[in-house]
């Protein structure tokens, strides 16, 4: 009966923690993979196109990348157990 008592005490003391850097890093890696695929589909290599010379497809990739990164910021404060 004692192990059950200690288990209950430990579980009641458990609190929600933040996913933080791990979830954020996983999300950012996903965004990076998607933007590389987007550039590749447009026939370019990510990181090699100058902003002034960017075609519309690349501008779209960059916009989607920024939106994805902004969504990742929410994972910094997402609670997990």
PDB file of N, CA and C in Angstrom:
ATOM      1  N   UNK A   1       0.814  -1.195   0.000  1.00  0.00           N
ATOM      2  CA  UNK A   1       0.000   0.000   0.000  1.00  0.00           C
ATOM      3  C   UNK A   1       0.858   1.259   0.000  1.00  0.00           C
ATOM      4  N   UNK A   2       2.038   1.184   0.569  1.00  0.00           N
ATOM      5  CA  UNK A   2       2.908   2.357   0.618  1.00  0.00           C
ATOM      6  C   UNK A   2       3.347   2.852  -0.750  1.00  0.00           C
ATOM      7  N   UNK A   3       3.725   1.972  -1.696  1.00  0.00           N
ATOM      8  CA  UNK A   3       4.124   2.459  -3.013  1.00  0.00           C
ATOM      9  C   UNK A   3       3.016   3.257  -3.690  1.00  0.00           C
ATOM     10  N   UNK A   4       1.782   2.848  -3.495  1.00  0.00           N
ATOM     11  CA  UNK A   4       0.663   3.582  -4.075  1.00  0.00           C
ATOM     12  C   UNK A   4       0.576   4.976  -3.468  1.00  0.00           C
ATOM     13  N   UNK A   5       0.789   5.091  -2.181  1.00  0.00           N
ATOM     14  CA  UNK A   5       0.755   6.382  -1.510  1.00  0.00           C
ATOM     15  C   UNK A   5       1.825   7.315  -2.082  1.00  0.00           C
ATOM     16  N   UNK A   6       3.044   6.794  -2.263  1.00  0.00           N
ATOM     17  CA  UNK A   6       4.122   7.616  -2.802  1.00  0.00           C
ATOM     18  C   UNK A   6       3.870   7.995  -4.263  1.00  0.00           C
ATOM     19  N   UNK A   7       3.295   7.079  -5.002  1.00  0.00           N
ATOM     20  CA  UNK A   7       2.972   7.358  -6.400  1.00  0.00           C
ATOM     21  C   UNK A   7       1.952   8.488  -6.495  1.00  0.00           C
ATOM     22  N   UNK A   8       0.960   8.432  -5.662  1.00  0.00           N
ATOM     23  CA  UNK A   8      -0.065   9.478  -5.667  1.00  0.00           C
ATOM     24  C   UNK A   8       0.547  10.828  -5.291  1.00  0.00           C
ATOM     25  N   UNK A   9       1.425  10.834  -4.315  1.00  0.00           N
ATOM     26  CA  UNK A   9       2.080  12.075  -3.913  1.00  0.00           C
ATOM     27  C   UNK A   9       2.922  12.628  -5.061  1.00  0.00           C
ATOM     28  N   UNK A  10       3.679  11.767  -5.716  1.00  0.00           N
ATOM     29  CA  UNK A  10       4.513  12.221  -6.832  1.00  0.00           C
ATOM     30  C   UNK A  10       3.674  12.741  -7.982  1.00  0.00           C
ATOM     31  N   UNK A  11       2.604  12.052  -8.316  1.00  0.00           N
ATOM     32  CA  UNK A  11       1.755  12.491  -9.416  1.00  0.00           C
ATOM     33  C   UNK A  11       1.034  13.798  -9.092  1.00  0.00           C
ATOM     34  N   UNK A  12       0.670  13.980  -7.848  1.00  0.00           N
ATOM     35  CA  UNK A  12      -0.001  15.222  -7.493  1.00  0.00           C
ATOM     36  C   UNK A  12       0.964  16.404  -7.498  1.00  0.00           C
ATOM     37  N   UNK A  13       2.248  16.120  -7.330  1.00  0.00           N
ATOM     38  CA  UNK A  13       3.253  17.178  -7.348  1.00  0.00           C
ATOM     39  C   UNK A  13       3.689  17.522  -8.767  1.00  0.00           C
ATOM     40  N   UNK A  14       3.377  16.664  -9.732  1.00  0.00           N
ATOM     41  CA  UNK A  14       3.777  16.909 -11.118  1.00  0.00           C
ATOM     42  C   UNK A  14       3.025  18.119 -11.657  1.00  0.00           C
ATOM     43  N   UNK A  15       3.733  18.975 -12.307  1.00  0.00           N
ATOM     44  CA  UNK A  15       3.117  20.161 -12.891  1.00  0.00           C
ATOM     45  C   UNK A  15       3.383  20.190 -14.387  1.00  0.00           C
ATOM     46  N   UNK A  16       2.686  21.050 -15.037  1.00  0.00           N
ATOM     47  CA  UNK A  16       2.884  21.216 -16.472  1.00  0.00           C
ATOM     48  C   UNK A  16       4.199  21.942 -16.710  1.00  0.00           C
ATOM     49  N   UNK A  17       4.954  21.465 -17.672  1.00  0.00           N
ATOM     50  CA  UNK A  17       6.201  22.133 -18.022  1.00  0.00           C
ATOM     51  C   UNK A  17       6.096  22.652 -19.450  1.00  0.00           C
ATOM     52  N   UNK A  18       7.056  23.446 -19.846  1.00  0.00           N
ATOM     53  CA  UNK A  18       7.044  24.002 -21.194  1.00  0.00           C
ATOM     54  C   UNK A  18       7.860  23.120 -22.133  1.00  0.00           C
ATOM     55  N   UNK A  19       7.328  22.943 -23.341  1.00  0.00           N
ATOM     56  CA  UNK A  19       8.046  22.156 -24.349  1.00  0.00           C
ATOM     57  C   UNK A  19       9.310  22.891 -24.756  1.00  0.00           C
ATOM     58  N   UNK A  20       9.205  24.195 -24.879  1.00  0.00           N
ATOM     59  CA  UNK A  20      10.322  25.071 -25.086  1.00  0.00           C
ATOM     60  C   UNK A  20      11.235  24.777 -26.250  1.00  0.00           C
ATOM     61  N   UNK A  21      12.521  24.818 -25.995  1.00  0.00           N
ATOM     62  CA  UNK A  21      13.513  24.759 -27.068  1.00  0.00           C
ATOM     63  C   UNK A  21      13.450  23.505 -27.927  1.00  0.00           C
ATOM     64  N   UNK A  22      13.122  22.371 -27.346  1.00  0.00           N
ATOM     65  CA  UNK A  22      13.071  21.141 -28.124  1.00  0.00           C
ATOM     66  C   UNK A  22      11.969  21.207 -29.185  1.00  0.00           C
ATOM     67  N   UNK A  23      10.770  21.574 -28.782  1.00  0.00           N
ATOM     68  CA  UNK A  23       9.666  21.676 -29.735  1.00  0.00           C
ATOM     69  C   UNK A  23       9.940  22.771 -30.754  1.00  0.00           C
ATOM     70  N   UNK A  24      10.514  23.871 -30.311  1.00  0.00           N
ATOM     71  CA  UNK A  24      10.830  24.968 -31.212  1.00  0.00           C
ATOM     72  C   UNK A  24      11.856  24.535 -32.261  1.00  0.00           C
ATOM     73  N   UNK A  25      12.871  23.819 -31.826  1.00  0.00           N
ATOM     74  CA  UNK A  25      13.899  23.336 -32.752  1.00  0.00           C
ATOM     75  C   UNK A  25      13.342  22.351 -33.766  1.00  0.00           C
ATOM     76  N   UNK A  26      12.470  21.461 -33.334  1.00  0.00           N
ATOM     77  CA  UNK A  26      11.843  20.505 -34.247  1.00  0.00           C
ATOM     78  C   UNK A  26      10.982  21.244 -35.264  1.00  0.00           C
ATOM     79  N   UNK A  27      10.241  22.214 -34.796  1.00  0.00           N
ATOM     80  CA  UNK A  27       9.389  23.008 -35.687  1.00  0.00           C
ATOM     81  C   UNK A  27      10.233  23.777 -36.706  1.00  0.00           C
ATOM     82  N   UNK A  28      11.307  24.406 -36.256  1.00  0.00           N
ATOM     83  CA  UNK A  28      12.179  25.166 -37.154  1.00  0.00           C
ATOM     84  C   UNK A  28      12.824  24.247 -38.199  1.00  0.00           C
ATOM     85  N   UNK A  29      13.192  23.056 -37.788  1.00  0.00           N
ATOM     86  CA  UNK A  29      13.770  22.102 -38.739  1.00  0.00           C
ATOM     87  C   UNK A  29      12.752  21.738 -39.812  1.00  0.00           C
ATOM     88  N   UNK A  30      11.502  21.581 -39.401  1.00  0.00           N
ATOM     89  CA  UNK A  30      10.441  21.294 -40.368  1.00  0.00           C
ATOM     90  C   UNK A  30      10.248  22.440 -41.343  1.00  0.00           C
ATOM     91  N   UNK A  31      10.254  23.669 -40.829  1.00  0.00           N
ATOM     92  CA  UNK A  31      10.116  24.849 -41.696  1.00  0.00           C
ATOM     93  C   UNK A  31      11.266  24.930 -42.695  1.00  0.00           C
ATOM     94  N   UNK A  32      12.459  24.660 -42.223  1.00  0.00           N
ATOM     95  CA  UNK A  32      13.634  24.719 -43.095  1.00  0.00           C
ATOM     96  C   UNK A  32      13.553  23.671 -44.195  1.00  0.00           C
ATOM     97  N   UNK A  33      13.120  22.484 -43.849  1.00  0.00           N
ATOM     98  CA  UNK A  33      12.961  21.432 -44.841  1.00  0.00           C
ATOM     99  C   UNK A  33      11.938  21.807 -45.905  1.00  0.00           C
ATOM    100  N   UNK A  34      10.856  22.440 -45.464  1.00  0.00           N
ATOM    101  CA  UNK A  34       9.820  22.845 -46.417  1.00  0.00           C
ATOM    102  C   UNK A  34      10.296  23.956 -47.349  1.00  0.00           C
ATOM    103  N   UNK A  35      11.029  24.922 -46.825  1.00  0.00           N
ATOM    104  CA  UNK A  35      11.481  26.014 -47.686  1.00  0.00           C
ATOM    105  C   UNK A  35      12.528  25.514 -48.677  1.00  0.00           C
ATOM    106  N   UNK A  36      13.355  24.570 -48.276  1.00  0.00           N
ATOM    107  CA  UNK A  36      14.330  23.992 -49.210  1.00  0.00           C
ATOM    108  C   UNK A  36      13.596  23.253 -50.325  1.00  0.00           C
ATOM    109  N   UNK A  37      12.551  22.516 -49.981  1.00  0.00           N
ATOM    110  CA  UNK A  37      11.762  21.804 -50.990  1.00  0.00           C
ATOM    111  C   UNK A  37      11.049  22.789 -51.916  1.00  0.00           C
ATOM    112  N   UNK A  38      10.559  23.883 -51.366  1.00  0.00           N
ATOM    113  CA  UNK A  38       9.884  24.904 -52.164  1.00  0.00           C
ATOM    114  C   UNK A  38      10.848  25.528 -53.170  1.00  0.00           C
ATOM    115  N   UNK A  39      12.026  25.878 -52.715  1.00  0.00           N
ATOM    116  CA  UNK A  39      13.049  26.449 -53.602  1.00  0.00           C
ATOM    117  C   UNK A  39      13.413  25.445 -54.696  1.00  0.00           C
ATOM    118  N   UNK A  40      13.584  24.190 -54.289  1.00  0.00           N
ATOM    119  CA  UNK A  40      13.962  23.159 -55.243  1.00  0.00           C
ATOM    120  C   UNK A  40      12.888  22.979 -56.314  1.00  0.00           C
ATOM    121  N   UNK A  41      11.629  23.006 -55.907  1.00  0.00           N
ATOM    122  CA  UNK A  41      10.530  22.886 -56.861  1.00  0.00           C
ATOM    123  C   UNK A  41      10.513  24.057 -57.837  1.00  0.00           C
ATOM    124  N   UNK A  42      10.977  25.220 -57.386  1.00  0.00           N
ATOM    125  CA  UNK A  42      11.031  26.405 -58.249  1.00  0.00           C
ATOM    126  C   UNK A  42      12.303  26.427 -59.095  1.00  0.00           C
ATOM    127  N   UNK A  43      13.208  25.466 -58.872  1.00  0.00           N
ATOM    128  CA  UNK A  43      14.436  25.384 -59.658  1.00  0.00           C
ATOM    129  C   UNK A  43      15.592  26.185 -59.107  1.00  0.00           C
ATOM    130  N   UNK A  44      15.558  26.487 -57.821  1.00  0.00           N
ATOM    131  CA  UNK A  44      16.616  27.274 -57.195  1.00  0.00           C
ATOM    132  C   UNK A  44      17.172  26.543 -55.988  1.00  0.00           C
ATOM    133  N   UNK A  45      18.265  27.035 -55.464  1.00  0.00           N
ATOM    134  CA  UNK A  45      18.861  26.506 -54.244  1.00  0.00           C
ATOM    135  C   UNK A  45      18.657  27.526 -53.139  1.00  0.00           C
ATOM    136  N   UNK A  46      18.145  27.057 -52.014  1.00  0.00           N
ATOM    137  CA  UNK A  46      17.868  27.950 -50.895  1.00  0.00           C
ATOM    138  C   UNK A  46      19.141  28.647 -50.441  1.00  0.00           C
ATOM    139  N   UNK A  47      19.080  29.964 -50.282  1.00  0.00           N
ATOM    140  CA  UNK A  47      20.205  30.742 -49.805  1.00  0.00           C
ATOM    141  C   UNK A  47      21.075  31.327 -50.894  1.00  0.00           C
ATOM    142  N   UNK A  48      20.721  31.073 -52.149  1.00  0.00           N
ATOM    143  CA  UNK A  48      21.569  31.569 -53.238  1.00  0.00           C
ATOM    144  C   UNK A  48      20.901  32.641 -54.090  1.00  0.00           C
ATOM    145  N   UNK A  49      19.666  32.992 -53.799  1.00  0.00           N
ATOM    146  CA  UNK A  49      18.935  33.962 -54.614  1.00  0.00           C
ATOM    147  C   UNK A  49      18.931  35.307 -53.908  1.00  0.00           C
ATOM    148  N   UNK A  50      19.392  36.340 -54.602  1.00  0.00           N
ATOM    149  CA  UNK A  50      19.387  37.693 -54.035  1.00  0.00           C
ATOM    150  C   UNK A  50      17.944  38.207 -53.963  1.00  0.00           C
ATOM    151  N   UNK A  51      17.634  38.938 -52.921  1.00  0.00           N
ATOM    152  CA  UNK A  51      16.270  39.421 -52.709  1.00  0.00           C
ATOM    153  C   UNK A  51      15.774  40.274 -53.871  1.00  0.00           C
ATOM    154  N   UNK A  52      16.631  41.107 -54.434  1.00  0.00           N
ATOM    155  CA  UNK A  52      16.201  41.988 -55.521  1.00  0.00           C
ATOM    156  C   UNK A  52      15.904  41.213 -56.797  1.00  0.00           C
ATOM    157  N   UNK A  53      16.546  40.070 -56.984  1.00  0.00           N
ATOM    158  CA  UNK A  53      16.373  39.295 -58.206  1.00  0.00           C
ATOM    159  C   UNK A  53      15.424  38.112 -58.033  1.00  0.00           C
ATOM    160  N   UNK A  54      14.743  38.034 -56.909  1.00  0.00           N
ATOM    161  CA  UNK A  54      13.899  36.881 -56.617  1.00  0.00           C
ATOM    162  C   UNK A  54      12.635  36.872 -57.467  1.00  0.00           C
ATOM    163  N   UNK A  55      12.377  35.759 -58.143  1.00  0.00           N
ATOM    164  CA  UNK A  55      11.129  35.637 -58.893  1.00  0.00           C
ATOM    165  C   UNK A  55       9.948  35.444 -57.939  1.00  0.00           C
ATOM    166  N   UNK A  56       8.759  35.534 -58.470  1.00  0.00           N
ATOM    167  CA  UNK A  56       7.549  35.451 -57.637  1.00  0.00           C
ATOM    168  C   UNK A  56       7.476  34.147 -56.851  1.00  0.00           C
ATOM    169  N   UNK A  57       7.907  33.044 -57.435  1.00  0.00           N
ATOM    170  CA  UNK A  57       7.849  31.761 -56.730  1.00  0.00           C
ATOM    171  C   UNK A  57       8.717  31.784 -55.473  1.00  0.00           C
ATOM    172  N   UNK A  58       9.879  32.417 -55.569  1.00  0.00           N
ATOM    173  CA  UNK A  58      10.780  32.489 -54.420  1.00  0.00           C
ATOM    174  C   UNK A  58      10.219  33.424 -53.350  1.00  0.00           C
ATOM    175  N   UNK A  59       9.602  34.495 -53.785  1.00  0.00           N
ATOM    176  CA  UNK A  59       8.963  35.403 -52.825  1.00  0.00           C
ATOM    177  C   UNK A  59       7.875  34.646 -52.061  1.00  0.00           C
ATOM    178  N   UNK A  60       7.135  33.805 -52.760  1.00  0.00           N
ATOM    179  CA  UNK A  60       6.111  32.980 -52.107  1.00  0.00           C
ATOM    180  C   UNK A  60       6.717  31.999 -51.121  1.00  0.00           C
ATOM    181  N   UNK A  61       7.841  31.388 -51.495  1.00  0.00           N
ATOM    182  CA  UNK A  61       8.528  30.466 -50.579  1.00  0.00           C
ATOM    183  C   UNK A  61       8.987  31.200 -49.321  1.00  0.00           C
ATOM    184  N   UNK A  62       9.558  32.376 -49.516  1.00  0.00           N
ATOM    185  CA  UNK A  62      10.037  33.165 -48.375  1.00  0.00           C
ATOM    186  C   UNK A  62       8.896  33.587 -47.463  1.00  0.00           C
ATOM    187  N   UNK A  63       7.782  33.958 -48.049  1.00  0.00           N
ATOM    188  CA  UNK A  63       6.617  34.354 -47.259  1.00  0.00           C
ATOM    189  C   UNK A  63       6.090  33.181 -46.433  1.00  0.00           C
ATOM    190  N   UNK A  64       5.997  32.016 -47.069  1.00  0.00           N
ATOM    191  CA  UNK A  64       5.530  30.831 -46.357  1.00  0.00           C
ATOM    192  C   UNK A  64       6.515  30.434 -45.246  1.00  0.00           C
ATOM    193  N   UNK A  65       7.799  30.609 -45.500  1.00  0.00           N
ATOM    194  CA  UNK A  65       8.820  30.299 -44.508  1.00  0.00           C
ATOM    195  C   UNK A  65       8.671  31.209 -43.283  1.00  0.00           C
ATOM    196  N   UNK A  66       8.453  32.472 -43.520  1.00  0.00           N
ATOM    197  CA  UNK A  66       8.252  33.414 -42.419  1.00  0.00           C
ATOM    198  C   UNK A  66       7.014  33.084 -41.602  1.00  0.00           C
ATOM    199  N   UNK A  67       5.944  32.701 -42.289  1.00  0.00           N
ATOM    200  CA  UNK A  67       4.713  32.325 -41.597  1.00  0.00           C
ATOM    201  C   UNK A  67       4.934  31.074 -40.754  1.00  0.00           C
ATOM    202  N   UNK A  68       5.660  30.116 -41.306  1.00  0.00           N
ATOM    203  CA  UNK A  68       5.955  28.881 -40.581  1.00  0.00           C
ATOM    204  C   UNK A  68       6.791  29.169 -39.329  1.00  0.00           C
ATOM    205  N   UNK A  69       7.796  30.026 -39.471  1.00  0.00           N
ATOM    206  CA  UNK A  69       8.640  30.364 -38.324  1.00  0.00           C
ATOM    207  C   UNK A  69       7.837  31.082 -37.240  1.00  0.00           C
ATOM    208  N   UNK A  70       6.919  31.936 -37.656  1.00  0.00           N
ATOM    209  CA  UNK A  70       6.083  32.633 -36.670  1.00  0.00           C
ATOM    210  C   UNK A  70       5.194  31.639 -35.923  1.00  0.00           C
ATOM    211  N   UNK A  71       4.698  30.639 -36.630  1.00  0.00           N
ATOM    212  CA  UNK A  71       3.880  29.628 -35.964  1.00  0.00           C
ATOM    213  C   UNK A  71       4.704  28.813 -34.974  1.00  0.00           C
ATOM    214  N   UNK A  72       5.978  28.629 -35.268  1.00  0.00           N
ATOM    215  CA  UNK A  72       6.859  27.886 -34.355  1.00  0.00           C
ATOM    216  C   UNK A  72       7.041  28.622 -33.027  1.00  0.00           C
ATOM    217  N   UNK A  73       6.965  29.923 -33.057  1.00  0.00           N
ATOM    218  CA  UNK A  73       7.152  30.695 -31.825  1.00  0.00           C
ATOM    219  C   UNK A  73       6.141  30.307 -30.777  1.00  0.00           C
ATOM    220  N   UNK A  74       4.949  29.884 -31.196  1.00  0.00           N
ATOM    221  CA  UNK A  74       3.923  29.464 -30.242  1.00  0.00           C
ATOM    222  C   UNK A  74       4.350  28.211 -29.495  1.00  0.00           C
ATOM    223  N   UNK A  75       5.181  27.375 -30.094  1.00  0.00           N
ATOM    224  CA  UNK A  75       5.594  26.133 -29.434  1.00  0.00           C
ATOM    225  C   UNK A  75       6.529  26.396 -28.263  1.00  0.00           C
ATOM    226  N   UNK A  76       7.113  27.564 -28.200  1.00  0.00           N
ATOM    227  CA  UNK A  76       7.994  27.879 -27.061  1.00  0.00           C
ATOM    228  C   UNK A  76       7.222  27.883 -25.747  1.00  0.00           C
ATOM    229  N   UNK A  77       5.944  28.219 -25.837  1.00  0.00           N
ATOM    230  CA  UNK A  77       5.133  28.343 -24.611  1.00  0.00           C
ATOM    231  C   UNK A  77       4.033  27.305 -24.534  1.00  0.00           C
ATOM    232  N   UNK A  78       4.085  26.279 -25.400  1.00  0.00           N
ATOM    233  CA  UNK A  78       3.077  25.233 -25.390  1.00  0.00           C
ATOM    234  C   UNK A  78       3.298  24.313 -24.197  1.00  0.00           C
ATOM    235  N   UNK A  79       2.288  24.128 -23.365  1.00  0.00           N
ATOM    236  CA  UNK A  79       2.469  23.256 -22.210  1.00  0.00           C
ATOM    237  C   UNK A  79       2.493  21.778 -22.612  1.00  0.00           C
ATOM    238  N   UNK A  80       3.261  21.018 -21.891  1.00  0.00           N
ATOM    239  CA  UNK A  80       3.308  19.564 -22.074  1.00  0.00           C
ATOM    240  C   UNK A  80       3.504  18.928 -20.712  1.00  0.00           C
ATOM    241  N   UNK A  81       3.192  17.672 -20.612  1.00  0.00           N
ATOM    242  CA  UNK A  81       3.367  16.987 -19.317  1.00  0.00           C
ATOM    243  C   UNK A  81       4.651  16.231 -19.274  1.00  0.00           C
TER     244      UNK A  81
END
